[in-house]
Amino acid sequence: MTHNELNAIAVKWCKRPASGNGPGCQVALTEVGGLYGGERADVFAYRWGFDGGSVVVESKVSRSDFLADREKPHRCGITPGMGTYRYYICPEGLIDIDDLPPRWGLLWVNKRGHVRLKAGHICGYIACGYSGHAFAPFWQHPADLRFEVEVLAYALAKFADPEGAKQTVRQAVREKSRLASEVNGLREASKRAETERYALRHQLRRYQETFGELDTPAPLTTR
C-alpha cells in the first residue's frame, strides 16, 4: 500500500459521519502546510459545529518513517502543531498502540483498504454514543489555530478565483432548484393527463356498453 493510497483512505475516513464512526469533517485536504518552513500534514481536515476542531492524519508505510516522525517537535508536544485531534494511519500491524505519542490515535488499514480504529477520540463515541464527547478532551492537543487558518487560506488561494467559483456554485444550485421545480410541474401535469385519459376511457366503455360500437366516419372525398 502506497503513501498516496493511505492519504486517500484517510480523507474518506475524516469525512465519514459520526453515525458511521468517523470524525464527520466537512473539509479534508492532502499534503497541506509547509508555510514558512513549518509543519506539513499528510491529511488535514476540519469539522465545524458541535465538537468542532481540526483532525490531522499522518500516513506511514514504514516503521523507520514513523519513528523519525514522532520525534519532531510538533509531534511530541514540544511546540504547538496542527490538529485538535491527531492520528497515524498505517498498514495493519505496522504501528501498535504502545508506540503512540500521548493523545494520538491510530488507524489500521487492511489489505482490502478497510479502516480499523485502534485508538483516538472516536473510540469514546463508539463505546458510549452521544455521551462519548465527554472523553474527547483527553485526546485533544493545543493546536496552532493561526497556522491552521493560514493553511486553509493558502489552500483556498490555490483556486484561480474562489469568489467566482462560489458564484458559479450558487448559480448551479439555483438552476438545479428551477429545473427540479419544472420537473415537478411536468410530473403533476402528466398525472392530471393520465387521470383525464382514464376518465375518458371509462366514459367511452360505458357508452359502448349502452349504445354499441361507435361508427367509423367515412373518409372525405373530393370531386
N, C-alpha and C. Protein backbone atom coordinates (compact mmCIF):
# COMPACT_ATOMS: atom_id res chain seq x y z
N MET A 1 0.85 -1.19 0.00
CA MET A 1 0.00 0.00 0.00
C MET A 1 0.89 1.24 0.00
N THR A 2 0.60 2.20 -0.89
CA THR A 2 1.43 3.38 -1.04
C THR A 2 0.99 4.49 -0.10
N HIS A 3 1.86 5.48 0.03
CA HIS A 3 1.58 6.64 0.87
C HIS A 3 0.35 7.39 0.35
N ASN A 4 0.25 7.58 -0.96
CA ASN A 4 -0.89 8.29 -1.53
C ASN A 4 -2.20 7.53 -1.32
N GLU A 5 -2.13 6.21 -1.38
CA GLU A 5 -3.34 5.41 -1.14
C GLU A 5 -3.82 5.57 0.30
N LEU A 6 -2.87 5.60 1.24
CA LEU A 6 -3.24 5.82 2.63
C LEU A 6 -3.85 7.21 2.82
N ASN A 7 -3.28 8.21 2.15
CA ASN A 7 -3.84 9.56 2.23
C ASN A 7 -5.29 9.60 1.75
N ALA A 8 -5.55 8.94 0.63
CA ALA A 8 -6.90 8.92 0.07
C ALA A 8 -7.88 8.24 1.03
N ILE A 9 -7.44 7.15 1.65
CA ILE A 9 -8.28 6.45 2.62
C ILE A 9 -8.53 7.33 3.84
N ALA A 10 -7.49 8.05 4.28
CA ALA A 10 -7.63 8.93 5.45
C ALA A 10 -8.62 10.05 5.18
N VAL A 11 -8.59 10.61 3.95
CA VAL A 11 -9.54 11.67 3.60
C VAL A 11 -10.97 11.16 3.71
N LYS A 12 -11.22 9.97 3.17
CA LYS A 12 -12.57 9.40 3.24
C LYS A 12 -12.98 9.15 4.68
N TRP A 13 -12.02 8.69 5.50
CA TRP A 13 -12.35 8.43 6.90
C TRP A 13 -12.67 9.73 7.62
N CYS A 14 -11.91 10.78 7.38
CA CYS A 14 -12.16 12.07 8.03
C CYS A 14 -13.55 12.61 7.70
N LYS A 15 -14.03 12.34 6.49
CA LYS A 15 -15.35 12.83 6.08
C LYS A 15 -16.47 11.88 6.49
N ARG A 16 -16.11 10.72 7.03
CA ARG A 16 -17.13 9.77 7.45
C ARG A 16 -17.94 10.39 8.59
N PRO A 17 -19.28 10.34 8.53
CA PRO A 17 -20.10 10.97 9.57
C PRO A 17 -19.97 10.25 10.90
N ALA A 18 -20.40 10.93 11.95
CA ALA A 18 -20.34 10.33 13.28
C ALA A 18 -21.17 9.06 13.35
N SER A 19 -22.27 9.04 12.60
CA SER A 19 -23.12 7.84 12.58
C SER A 19 -22.39 6.64 11.97
N GLY A 20 -21.33 6.91 11.21
CA GLY A 20 -20.52 5.85 10.61
C GLY A 20 -19.19 5.68 11.32
N ASN A 21 -19.12 6.16 12.58
CA ASN A 21 -17.90 6.05 13.39
C ASN A 21 -16.73 6.81 12.78
N GLY A 22 -17.01 8.03 12.32
CA GLY A 22 -15.97 8.90 11.79
C GLY A 22 -16.01 10.27 12.43
N PRO A 23 -15.04 11.13 12.12
CA PRO A 23 -15.00 12.47 12.72
C PRO A 23 -16.06 13.43 12.17
N GLY A 24 -16.61 13.13 11.00
CA GLY A 24 -17.64 14.00 10.41
C GLY A 24 -17.11 15.34 9.95
N CYS A 25 -15.87 15.37 9.44
CA CYS A 25 -15.30 16.63 8.95
C CYS A 25 -15.95 17.02 7.62
N GLN A 26 -16.18 18.32 7.45
CA GLN A 26 -16.74 18.80 6.19
C GLN A 26 -15.66 19.08 5.15
N VAL A 27 -14.44 19.30 5.60
CA VAL A 27 -13.32 19.62 4.70
C VAL A 27 -12.16 18.67 5.01
N ALA A 28 -11.54 18.13 3.98
CA ALA A 28 -10.35 17.29 4.17
C ALA A 28 -9.42 17.48 2.98
N LEU A 29 -8.16 17.78 3.28
CA LEU A 29 -7.17 18.08 2.24
C LEU A 29 -5.92 17.23 2.47
N THR A 30 -5.24 16.89 1.39
CA THR A 30 -3.99 16.13 1.49
C THR A 30 -2.79 17.03 1.22
N GLU A 31 -1.68 16.68 1.86
CA GLU A 31 -0.39 17.35 1.63
C GLU A 31 -0.50 18.87 1.76
N VAL A 32 -0.88 19.34 2.94
CA VAL A 32 -1.02 20.77 3.17
C VAL A 32 -0.05 21.20 4.27
N GLY A 33 0.17 22.52 4.33
CA GLY A 33 1.08 23.08 5.32
C GLY A 33 2.40 23.46 4.68
N GLY A 34 3.45 23.39 5.47
CA GLY A 34 4.77 23.74 4.96
C GLY A 34 5.00 25.24 4.83
N LEU A 35 4.06 26.06 5.33
CA LEU A 35 4.25 27.51 5.24
C LEU A 35 5.37 27.95 6.17
N TYR A 36 6.21 28.86 5.71
CA TYR A 36 7.33 29.40 6.48
C TYR A 36 8.27 28.28 6.94
N GLY A 37 8.28 27.17 6.20
CA GLY A 37 9.12 26.05 6.58
C GLY A 37 8.58 25.26 7.75
N GLY A 38 7.29 25.48 8.10
CA GLY A 38 6.70 24.80 9.25
C GLY A 38 6.15 23.43 8.92
N GLU A 39 5.29 22.97 9.80
CA GLU A 39 4.74 21.61 9.71
C GLU A 39 3.97 21.40 8.41
N ARG A 40 4.05 20.18 7.92
CA ARG A 40 3.30 19.77 6.75
C ARG A 40 2.54 18.49 7.11
N ALA A 41 1.24 18.49 6.88
CA ALA A 41 0.41 17.35 7.26
C ALA A 41 0.04 16.54 6.02
N ASP A 42 0.04 15.21 6.19
CA ASP A 42 -0.40 14.35 5.08
C ASP A 42 -1.88 14.58 4.79
N VAL A 43 -2.68 14.66 5.85
CA VAL A 43 -4.11 14.96 5.71
C VAL A 43 -4.49 15.94 6.81
N PHE A 44 -5.14 17.02 6.41
CA PHE A 44 -5.67 18.00 7.36
C PHE A 44 -7.15 18.13 7.09
N ALA A 45 -7.95 17.96 8.14
CA ALA A 45 -9.40 18.03 8.00
C ALA A 45 -9.98 18.91 9.09
N TYR A 46 -11.18 19.41 8.82
CA TYR A 46 -11.80 20.31 9.80
C TYR A 46 -13.30 20.03 9.91
N ARG A 47 -13.76 20.06 11.14
CA ARG A 47 -15.19 19.91 11.42
C ARG A 47 -15.64 21.16 12.18
N TRP A 48 -16.68 21.81 11.66
CA TRP A 48 -17.25 22.93 12.40
C TRP A 48 -18.57 22.47 13.03
N GLY A 49 -19.05 23.28 13.96
CA GLY A 49 -20.27 22.90 14.65
C GLY A 49 -19.96 22.19 15.96
N PHE A 50 -20.89 21.34 16.38
CA PHE A 50 -20.75 20.63 17.65
C PHE A 50 -19.47 19.79 17.66
N ASP A 51 -18.73 19.90 18.76
CA ASP A 51 -17.48 19.15 18.91
C ASP A 51 -16.54 19.40 17.74
N GLY A 52 -16.52 20.65 17.29
CA GLY A 52 -15.70 21.00 16.14
C GLY A 52 -14.22 21.03 16.46
N GLY A 53 -13.42 21.09 15.43
CA GLY A 53 -11.98 21.13 15.59
C GLY A 53 -11.30 20.50 14.39
N SER A 54 -10.00 20.54 14.38
CA SER A 54 -9.23 20.02 13.26
C SER A 54 -8.74 18.61 13.55
N VAL A 55 -8.54 17.86 12.47
CA VAL A 55 -8.03 16.50 12.56
C VAL A 55 -6.84 16.38 11.61
N VAL A 56 -5.72 15.92 12.12
CA VAL A 56 -4.53 15.66 11.31
C VAL A 56 -4.29 14.16 11.29
N VAL A 57 -4.03 13.63 10.10
CA VAL A 57 -3.71 12.22 9.96
C VAL A 57 -2.37 12.10 9.24
N GLU A 58 -1.45 11.40 9.86
CA GLU A 58 -0.14 11.16 9.26
C GLU A 58 -0.08 9.73 8.74
N SER A 59 0.25 9.59 7.45
CA SER A 59 0.31 8.28 6.80
C SER A 59 1.72 7.71 6.87
N LYS A 60 1.83 6.48 7.33
CA LYS A 60 3.13 5.84 7.46
C LYS A 60 3.11 4.45 6.80
N VAL A 61 4.07 4.25 5.93
CA VAL A 61 4.16 2.96 5.24
C VAL A 61 5.40 2.18 5.67
N SER A 62 6.20 2.77 6.55
CA SER A 62 7.38 2.06 7.05
C SER A 62 7.59 2.40 8.52
N ARG A 63 8.18 1.49 9.22
CA ARG A 63 8.45 1.67 10.64
C ARG A 63 9.46 2.79 10.88
N SER A 64 10.47 2.85 10.03
CA SER A 64 11.52 3.86 10.20
C SER A 64 10.95 5.27 10.02
N ASP A 65 10.04 5.43 9.06
CA ASP A 65 9.41 6.74 8.84
C ASP A 65 8.62 7.16 10.07
N PHE A 66 7.90 6.23 10.66
CA PHE A 66 7.12 6.54 11.86
C PHE A 66 8.02 6.95 13.01
N LEU A 67 9.09 6.21 13.25
CA LEU A 67 9.99 6.50 14.37
C LEU A 67 10.65 7.87 14.21
N ALA A 68 10.98 8.22 12.97
CA ALA A 68 11.58 9.54 12.72
C ALA A 68 10.55 10.65 12.91
N ASP A 69 9.31 10.38 12.50
CA ASP A 69 8.27 11.41 12.54
C ASP A 69 7.87 11.75 13.97
N ARG A 70 7.78 10.77 14.83
CA ARG A 70 7.25 11.04 16.16
C ARG A 70 8.22 11.83 17.04
N GLU A 71 9.45 11.99 16.57
CA GLU A 71 10.43 12.78 17.32
C GLU A 71 10.40 14.26 16.95
N LYS A 72 9.61 14.63 15.94
CA LYS A 72 9.53 16.03 15.55
C LYS A 72 8.90 16.86 16.67
N PRO A 73 9.33 18.12 16.85
CA PRO A 73 8.83 18.93 17.97
C PRO A 73 7.31 19.07 18.01
N HIS A 74 6.68 19.25 16.82
CA HIS A 74 5.23 19.43 16.81
C HIS A 74 4.48 18.11 16.92
N ARG A 75 5.19 16.98 16.87
CA ARG A 75 4.55 15.68 17.05
C ARG A 75 4.54 15.29 18.53
N CYS A 76 5.63 15.59 19.23
CA CYS A 76 5.72 15.15 20.62
C CYS A 76 5.31 16.24 21.61
N GLY A 77 4.80 17.38 21.11
CA GLY A 77 4.23 18.39 22.00
C GLY A 77 5.19 19.45 22.49
N ILE A 78 6.41 19.46 21.98
CA ILE A 78 7.37 20.50 22.39
C ILE A 78 6.92 21.85 21.86
N THR A 79 6.43 21.88 20.63
CA THR A 79 5.88 23.11 20.04
C THR A 79 4.46 22.82 19.56
N PRO A 80 3.60 23.85 19.50
CA PRO A 80 2.24 23.63 19.01
C PRO A 80 2.27 23.13 17.57
N GLY A 81 1.31 22.31 17.22
CA GLY A 81 1.23 21.79 15.87
C GLY A 81 -0.17 21.87 15.34
N MET A 82 -0.39 21.29 14.19
CA MET A 82 -1.70 21.25 13.58
C MET A 82 -2.49 20.07 14.15
N GLY A 83 -3.79 20.28 14.30
CA GLY A 83 -4.65 19.19 14.69
C GLY A 83 -5.12 19.23 16.13
N THR A 84 -6.41 19.50 16.31
CA THR A 84 -7.00 19.32 17.64
C THR A 84 -6.95 17.85 18.02
N TYR A 85 -7.21 17.01 17.01
CA TYR A 85 -7.10 15.55 17.17
C TYR A 85 -6.10 15.05 16.14
N ARG A 86 -5.26 14.08 16.55
CA ARG A 86 -4.18 13.63 15.68
C ARG A 86 -4.15 12.11 15.61
N TYR A 87 -3.91 11.62 14.41
CA TYR A 87 -3.92 10.18 14.17
C TYR A 87 -2.75 9.77 13.29
N TYR A 88 -2.30 8.54 13.47
CA TYR A 88 -1.45 7.88 12.48
C TYR A 88 -2.31 6.86 11.75
N ILE A 89 -2.07 6.72 10.46
CA ILE A 89 -2.72 5.68 9.67
C ILE A 89 -1.63 4.85 9.01
N CYS A 90 -1.77 3.55 9.04
CA CYS A 90 -0.71 2.68 8.53
C CYS A 90 -1.29 1.33 8.14
N PRO A 91 -0.53 0.54 7.38
CA PRO A 91 -0.97 -0.84 7.13
C PRO A 91 -1.12 -1.59 8.45
N GLU A 92 -2.02 -2.52 8.48
CA GLU A 92 -2.36 -3.26 9.69
C GLU A 92 -1.11 -3.86 10.35
N GLY A 93 -0.91 -3.53 11.64
CA GLY A 93 0.18 -4.10 12.43
C GLY A 93 1.48 -3.34 12.38
N LEU A 94 1.62 -2.35 11.51
CA LEU A 94 2.89 -1.63 11.39
C LEU A 94 3.21 -0.82 12.65
N ILE A 95 2.19 -0.17 13.21
CA ILE A 95 2.33 0.62 14.43
C ILE A 95 1.38 0.03 15.47
N ASP A 96 1.83 -0.05 16.69
CA ASP A 96 0.99 -0.55 17.77
C ASP A 96 0.60 0.59 18.70
N ILE A 97 -0.40 0.36 19.53
CA ILE A 97 -0.87 1.40 20.44
C ILE A 97 0.24 1.85 21.38
N ASP A 98 1.06 0.92 21.81
CA ASP A 98 2.15 1.26 22.74
C ASP A 98 3.19 2.16 22.10
N ASP A 99 3.22 2.26 20.78
CA ASP A 99 4.20 3.09 20.09
C ASP A 99 3.77 4.56 20.01
N LEU A 100 2.52 4.84 20.29
CA LEU A 100 1.97 6.16 20.01
C LEU A 100 2.46 7.22 21.00
N PRO A 101 2.68 8.45 20.50
CA PRO A 101 2.90 9.57 21.41
C PRO A 101 1.61 9.84 22.20
N PRO A 102 1.69 10.59 23.30
CA PRO A 102 0.49 10.86 24.10
C PRO A 102 -0.63 11.51 23.28
N ARG A 103 -1.85 11.00 23.48
CA ARG A 103 -3.09 11.56 22.90
C ARG A 103 -3.17 11.41 21.37
N TRP A 104 -2.40 10.54 20.81
CA TRP A 104 -2.50 10.28 19.38
C TRP A 104 -3.40 9.06 19.15
N GLY A 105 -4.17 9.12 18.08
CA GLY A 105 -4.99 7.99 17.68
C GLY A 105 -4.28 7.14 16.64
N LEU A 106 -4.89 6.01 16.34
CA LEU A 106 -4.27 5.07 15.40
C LEU A 106 -5.34 4.42 14.53
N LEU A 107 -5.06 4.39 13.23
CA LEU A 107 -5.94 3.74 12.26
C LEU A 107 -5.14 2.68 11.52
N TRP A 108 -5.65 1.48 11.51
CA TRP A 108 -5.06 0.40 10.73
C TRP A 108 -5.86 0.21 9.45
N VAL A 109 -5.16 -0.10 8.37
CA VAL A 109 -5.80 -0.37 7.09
C VAL A 109 -5.41 -1.77 6.64
N ASN A 110 -6.41 -2.62 6.39
CA ASN A 110 -6.07 -3.98 5.95
C ASN A 110 -5.86 -4.02 4.44
N LYS A 111 -5.58 -5.20 3.91
CA LYS A 111 -5.25 -5.34 2.50
C LYS A 111 -6.42 -4.97 1.58
N ARG A 112 -7.63 -5.02 2.11
CA ARG A 112 -8.81 -4.67 1.31
C ARG A 112 -9.12 -3.18 1.38
N GLY A 113 -8.30 -2.42 2.14
CA GLY A 113 -8.50 -0.98 2.24
C GLY A 113 -9.50 -0.56 3.29
N HIS A 114 -9.90 -1.48 4.16
CA HIS A 114 -10.84 -1.16 5.22
C HIS A 114 -10.11 -0.60 6.43
N VAL A 115 -10.70 0.43 7.04
CA VAL A 115 -10.08 1.09 8.18
C VAL A 115 -10.56 0.46 9.49
N ARG A 116 -9.62 0.23 10.38
CA ARG A 116 -9.94 -0.28 11.72
C ARG A 116 -9.41 0.71 12.74
N LEU A 117 -10.31 1.28 13.52
CA LEU A 117 -9.93 2.26 14.55
C LEU A 117 -9.34 1.54 15.74
N LYS A 118 -8.10 1.91 16.09
CA LYS A 118 -7.42 1.29 17.23
C LYS A 118 -7.37 2.21 18.44
N ALA A 119 -7.26 3.51 18.21
CA ALA A 119 -7.18 4.48 19.31
C ALA A 119 -7.58 5.84 18.76
N GLY A 120 -8.06 6.72 19.65
CA GLY A 120 -8.45 8.06 19.23
C GLY A 120 -9.77 8.49 19.83
N HIS A 121 -10.12 9.76 19.64
CA HIS A 121 -11.31 10.30 20.30
C HIS A 121 -12.61 9.68 19.81
N ILE A 122 -12.60 9.10 18.60
CA ILE A 122 -13.81 8.47 18.08
C ILE A 122 -14.16 7.21 18.88
N CYS A 123 -13.18 6.63 19.55
CA CYS A 123 -13.46 5.43 20.36
C CYS A 123 -14.52 5.71 21.42
N GLY A 124 -14.48 6.92 21.98
CA GLY A 124 -15.47 7.27 23.00
C GLY A 124 -16.88 7.26 22.46
N TYR A 125 -17.05 7.74 21.22
CA TYR A 125 -18.38 7.77 20.61
C TYR A 125 -18.87 6.35 20.31
N ILE A 126 -17.94 5.50 19.87
CA ILE A 126 -18.32 4.12 19.57
C ILE A 126 -18.75 3.40 20.83
N ALA A 127 -18.01 3.64 21.93
CA ALA A 127 -18.29 2.92 23.17
C ALA A 127 -19.50 3.48 23.92
N CYS A 128 -19.68 4.82 23.88
CA CYS A 128 -20.69 5.45 24.74
C CYS A 128 -21.73 6.25 23.98
N GLY A 129 -21.68 6.25 22.65
CA GLY A 129 -22.65 7.02 21.89
C GLY A 129 -22.49 8.51 22.09
N TYR A 130 -23.62 9.23 22.20
CA TYR A 130 -23.58 10.69 22.31
C TYR A 130 -22.76 11.16 23.51
N SER A 131 -22.85 10.44 24.63
CA SER A 131 -22.15 10.86 25.84
C SER A 131 -20.63 10.68 25.71
N GLY A 132 -20.19 10.05 24.62
CA GLY A 132 -18.76 9.84 24.43
C GLY A 132 -17.98 11.13 24.24
N HIS A 133 -18.69 12.25 23.94
CA HIS A 133 -17.97 13.51 23.75
C HIS A 133 -17.29 13.96 25.04
N ALA A 134 -17.73 13.41 26.17
CA ALA A 134 -17.11 13.78 27.44
C ALA A 134 -15.65 13.31 27.50
N PHE A 135 -15.29 12.30 26.71
CA PHE A 135 -13.93 11.78 26.71
C PHE A 135 -13.02 12.49 25.70
N ALA A 136 -13.64 13.30 24.82
CA ALA A 136 -12.87 13.94 23.75
C ALA A 136 -11.71 14.81 24.27
N PRO A 137 -11.91 15.59 25.35
CA PRO A 137 -10.80 16.44 25.82
C PRO A 137 -9.53 15.68 26.17
N PHE A 138 -9.66 14.41 26.52
CA PHE A 138 -8.47 13.62 26.86
C PHE A 138 -7.60 13.36 25.63
N TRP A 139 -8.17 13.54 24.42
CA TRP A 139 -7.44 13.30 23.19
C TRP A 139 -7.01 14.59 22.49
N GLN A 140 -7.42 15.72 23.03
CA GLN A 140 -7.19 16.99 22.33
C GLN A 140 -5.76 17.50 22.53
N HIS A 141 -5.29 18.22 21.50
CA HIS A 141 -3.99 18.87 21.51
C HIS A 141 -4.17 20.38 21.43
N PRO A 142 -3.24 21.16 21.96
CA PRO A 142 -3.30 22.62 21.80
C PRO A 142 -2.87 23.02 20.38
N ALA A 143 -3.80 22.98 19.47
CA ALA A 143 -3.49 23.24 18.06
C ALA A 143 -3.09 24.69 17.83
N ASP A 144 -2.22 24.89 16.84
CA ASP A 144 -1.80 26.24 16.42
C ASP A 144 -2.87 26.77 15.48
N LEU A 145 -3.87 27.45 16.06
CA LEU A 145 -5.05 27.86 15.28
C LEU A 145 -4.69 28.86 14.19
N ARG A 146 -3.79 29.77 14.48
CA ARG A 146 -3.42 30.77 13.46
C ARG A 146 -2.79 30.08 12.25
N PHE A 147 -1.90 29.13 12.51
CA PHE A 147 -1.25 28.42 11.41
C PHE A 147 -2.29 27.63 10.62
N GLU A 148 -3.25 27.03 11.30
CA GLU A 148 -4.29 26.27 10.61
C GLU A 148 -5.12 27.17 9.71
N VAL A 149 -5.48 28.36 10.20
CA VAL A 149 -6.24 29.30 9.37
C VAL A 149 -5.44 29.68 8.13
N GLU A 150 -4.15 29.94 8.31
CA GLU A 150 -3.31 30.32 7.18
C GLU A 150 -3.16 29.18 6.19
N VAL A 151 -3.11 27.95 6.69
CA VAL A 151 -3.04 26.78 5.81
C VAL A 151 -4.30 26.68 4.97
N LEU A 152 -5.46 26.87 5.60
CA LEU A 152 -6.73 26.80 4.87
C LEU A 152 -6.84 27.95 3.86
N ALA A 153 -6.39 29.14 4.27
CA ALA A 153 -6.43 30.28 3.35
C ALA A 153 -5.49 30.05 2.16
N TYR A 154 -4.34 29.48 2.43
CA TYR A 154 -3.39 29.19 1.35
C TYR A 154 -3.96 28.16 0.39
N ALA A 155 -4.61 27.13 0.95
CA ALA A 155 -5.23 26.12 0.09
C ALA A 155 -6.34 26.73 -0.76
N LEU A 156 -7.12 27.64 -0.15
CA LEU A 156 -8.20 28.30 -0.90
C LEU A 156 -7.64 29.19 -1.99
N ALA A 157 -6.51 29.83 -1.72
CA ALA A 157 -5.91 30.75 -2.69
C ALA A 157 -5.38 30.03 -3.92
N LYS A 158 -5.21 28.71 -3.83
CA LYS A 158 -4.74 27.95 -4.99
C LYS A 158 -5.77 27.90 -6.10
N PHE A 159 -7.03 28.11 -5.73
CA PHE A 159 -8.06 28.23 -6.75
C PHE A 159 -7.88 29.57 -7.44
N ALA A 160 -8.03 29.58 -8.75
CA ALA A 160 -7.79 30.81 -9.52
C ALA A 160 -8.71 31.94 -9.05
N ASP A 161 -9.98 31.63 -8.79
CA ASP A 161 -10.94 32.66 -8.41
C ASP A 161 -11.96 32.06 -7.45
N PRO A 162 -11.64 32.02 -6.15
CA PRO A 162 -12.57 31.41 -5.19
C PRO A 162 -13.95 32.05 -5.21
N GLU A 163 -14.00 33.40 -5.31
CA GLU A 163 -15.30 34.08 -5.34
C GLU A 163 -16.08 33.71 -6.58
N GLY A 164 -15.39 33.64 -7.72
CA GLY A 164 -16.07 33.23 -8.95
C GLY A 164 -16.59 31.80 -8.86
N ALA A 165 -15.79 30.93 -8.23
CA ALA A 165 -16.22 29.54 -8.06
C ALA A 165 -17.45 29.48 -7.17
N LYS A 166 -17.47 30.30 -6.12
CA LYS A 166 -18.63 30.32 -5.22
C LYS A 166 -19.89 30.77 -5.95
N GLN A 167 -19.74 31.84 -6.78
CA GLN A 167 -20.89 32.32 -7.53
C GLN A 167 -21.37 31.29 -8.55
N THR A 168 -20.42 30.59 -9.16
CA THR A 168 -20.79 29.53 -10.12
C THR A 168 -21.59 28.43 -9.42
N VAL A 169 -21.14 28.06 -8.23
CA VAL A 169 -21.85 27.02 -7.48
C VAL A 169 -23.24 27.51 -7.10
N ARG A 170 -23.34 28.76 -6.66
CA ARG A 170 -24.65 29.30 -6.30
C ARG A 170 -25.59 29.32 -7.50
N GLN A 171 -25.05 29.72 -8.65
CA GLN A 171 -25.88 29.74 -9.86
C GLN A 171 -26.32 28.33 -10.23
N ALA A 172 -25.41 27.37 -10.07
CA ALA A 172 -25.76 25.98 -10.38
C ALA A 172 -26.84 25.47 -9.43
N VAL A 173 -26.76 25.86 -8.16
CA VAL A 173 -27.78 25.44 -7.19
C VAL A 173 -29.13 26.04 -7.54
N ARG A 174 -29.12 27.33 -7.93
CA ARG A 174 -30.39 27.97 -8.32
C ARG A 174 -30.98 27.30 -9.56
N GLU A 175 -30.12 26.99 -10.54
CA GLU A 175 -30.60 26.34 -11.76
C GLU A 175 -31.13 24.94 -11.44
N LYS A 176 -30.45 24.25 -10.54
CA LYS A 176 -30.93 22.93 -10.13
C LYS A 176 -32.30 23.03 -9.50
N SER A 177 -32.49 24.05 -8.64
CA SER A 177 -33.78 24.24 -7.99
C SER A 177 -34.87 24.56 -9.02
N ARG A 178 -34.53 25.40 -10.02
CA ARG A 178 -35.50 25.76 -11.05
C ARG A 178 -35.90 24.53 -11.86
N LEU A 179 -34.90 23.74 -12.25
CA LEU A 179 -35.19 22.55 -13.05
C LEU A 179 -36.00 21.53 -12.24
N ALA A 180 -35.68 21.42 -10.94
CA ALA A 180 -36.44 20.49 -10.09
C ALA A 180 -37.90 20.91 -10.01
N SER A 181 -38.12 22.24 -9.89
CA SER A 181 -39.50 22.74 -9.85
C SER A 181 -40.21 22.49 -11.17
N GLU A 182 -39.48 22.68 -12.27
CA GLU A 182 -40.08 22.43 -13.59
C GLU A 182 -40.42 20.96 -13.77
N VAL A 183 -39.53 20.08 -13.33
CA VAL A 183 -39.79 18.65 -13.44
C VAL A 183 -41.00 18.25 -12.60
N ASN A 184 -41.11 18.83 -11.39
CA ASN A 184 -42.26 18.54 -10.55
C ASN A 184 -43.56 18.99 -11.21
N GLY A 185 -43.50 20.17 -11.87
CA GLY A 185 -44.67 20.66 -12.60
C GLY A 185 -45.07 19.73 -13.73
N LEU A 186 -44.07 19.23 -14.46
CA LEU A 186 -44.36 18.30 -15.56
C LEU A 186 -44.92 16.98 -15.03
N ARG A 187 -44.42 16.54 -13.89
CA ARG A 187 -44.96 15.31 -13.30
C ARG A 187 -46.42 15.49 -12.91
N GLU A 188 -46.74 16.64 -12.31
CA GLU A 188 -48.13 16.89 -11.93
C GLU A 188 -49.02 16.96 -13.17
N ALA A 189 -48.53 17.62 -14.22
CA ALA A 189 -49.30 17.70 -15.46
C ALA A 189 -49.51 16.32 -16.07
N SER A 190 -48.47 15.47 -16.00
CA SER A 190 -48.59 14.12 -16.51
C SER A 190 -49.61 13.31 -15.72
N LYS A 191 -49.62 13.50 -14.39
CA LYS A 191 -50.61 12.81 -13.56
C LYS A 191 -52.03 13.25 -13.92
N ARG A 192 -52.22 14.56 -14.12
CA ARG A 192 -53.55 15.06 -14.48
C ARG A 192 -53.99 14.51 -15.84
N ALA A 193 -53.05 14.48 -16.80
CA ALA A 193 -53.37 13.95 -18.12
C ALA A 193 -53.74 12.48 -18.05
N GLU A 194 -53.03 11.72 -17.21
CA GLU A 194 -53.32 10.29 -17.06
C GLU A 194 -54.70 10.09 -16.43
N THR A 195 -55.03 10.94 -15.46
CA THR A 195 -56.35 10.86 -14.82
C THR A 195 -57.46 11.16 -15.82
N GLU A 196 -57.26 12.21 -16.63
CA GLU A 196 -58.26 12.55 -17.64
C GLU A 196 -58.38 11.45 -18.68
N ARG A 197 -57.26 10.85 -19.06
CA ARG A 197 -57.28 9.75 -20.03
C ARG A 197 -58.06 8.56 -19.48
N TYR A 198 -57.85 8.25 -18.22
CA TYR A 198 -58.57 7.14 -17.60
C TYR A 198 -60.07 7.42 -17.58
N ALA A 199 -60.43 8.67 -17.21
CA ALA A 199 -61.86 9.03 -17.15
C ALA A 199 -62.51 8.94 -18.52
N LEU A 200 -61.83 9.39 -19.58
CA LEU A 200 -62.38 9.33 -20.93
C LEU A 200 -62.55 7.89 -21.39
N ARG A 201 -61.57 7.05 -21.09
CA ARG A 201 -61.68 5.64 -21.48
C ARG A 201 -62.84 4.97 -20.75
N HIS A 202 -63.07 5.34 -19.49
CA HIS A 202 -64.19 4.79 -18.73
C HIS A 202 -65.52 5.24 -19.33
N GLN A 203 -65.60 6.53 -19.69
CA GLN A 203 -66.83 7.04 -20.30
C GLN A 203 -67.08 6.37 -21.65
N LEU A 204 -66.03 6.17 -22.44
CA LEU A 204 -66.17 5.52 -23.74
C LEU A 204 -66.66 4.08 -23.57
N ARG A 205 -66.14 3.37 -22.59
CA ARG A 205 -66.56 2.00 -22.36
C ARG A 205 -68.04 1.92 -21.98
N ARG A 206 -68.47 2.84 -21.12
CA ARG A 206 -69.88 2.85 -20.72
C ARG A 206 -70.79 3.19 -21.90
N TYR A 207 -70.34 4.12 -22.76
CA TYR A 207 -71.13 4.48 -23.94
C TYR A 207 -71.28 3.28 -24.87
N GLN A 208 -70.15 2.55 -25.06
CA GLN A 208 -70.19 1.39 -25.95
C GLN A 208 -71.08 0.29 -25.39
N GLU A 209 -71.06 0.14 -24.06
CA GLU A 209 -71.94 -0.87 -23.45
C GLU A 209 -73.41 -0.52 -23.63
N THR A 210 -73.72 0.78 -23.71
CA THR A 210 -75.12 1.22 -23.82
C THR A 210 -75.58 1.33 -25.27
N PHE A 211 -74.77 1.89 -26.11
CA PHE A 211 -75.18 2.21 -27.48
C PHE A 211 -74.44 1.40 -28.55
N GLY A 212 -73.50 0.60 -28.15
CA GLY A 212 -72.74 -0.16 -29.13
C GLY A 212 -71.50 0.59 -29.59
N GLU A 213 -70.80 -0.10 -30.50
CA GLU A 213 -69.56 0.48 -31.01
C GLU A 213 -69.84 1.74 -31.79
N LEU A 214 -68.91 2.67 -31.69
CA LEU A 214 -69.05 3.90 -32.47
C LEU A 214 -68.79 3.60 -33.94
N ASP A 215 -69.61 4.23 -34.82
CA ASP A 215 -69.39 4.09 -36.26
C ASP A 215 -68.17 4.89 -36.67
N THR A 216 -67.37 4.25 -37.51
CA THR A 216 -66.19 4.96 -38.03
C THR A 216 -66.61 5.86 -39.16
N PRO A 217 -66.39 7.14 -39.05
CA PRO A 217 -66.83 8.05 -40.12
C PRO A 217 -66.15 7.75 -41.45
N ALA A 218 -66.95 7.89 -42.52
CA ALA A 218 -66.39 7.65 -43.86
C ALA A 218 -65.38 8.72 -44.21
N PRO A 219 -64.35 8.37 -44.91
CA PRO A 219 -63.35 9.38 -45.29
C PRO A 219 -63.94 10.41 -46.26
N LEU A 220 -63.52 11.62 -46.13
CA LEU A 220 -63.97 12.68 -47.03
C LEU A 220 -63.40 12.47 -48.43
N THR A 221 -64.23 12.74 -49.44
CA THR A 221 -63.77 12.65 -50.82
C THR A 221 -63.93 13.97 -51.50
N THR A 222 -63.13 14.20 -52.46
CA THR A 222 -63.18 15.45 -53.23
C THR A 222 -63.47 15.12 -54.69
N ARG A 223 -64.28 15.96 -55.28
CA ARG A 223 -64.56 15.78 -56.71
C ARG A 223 -63.63 16.64 -57.56
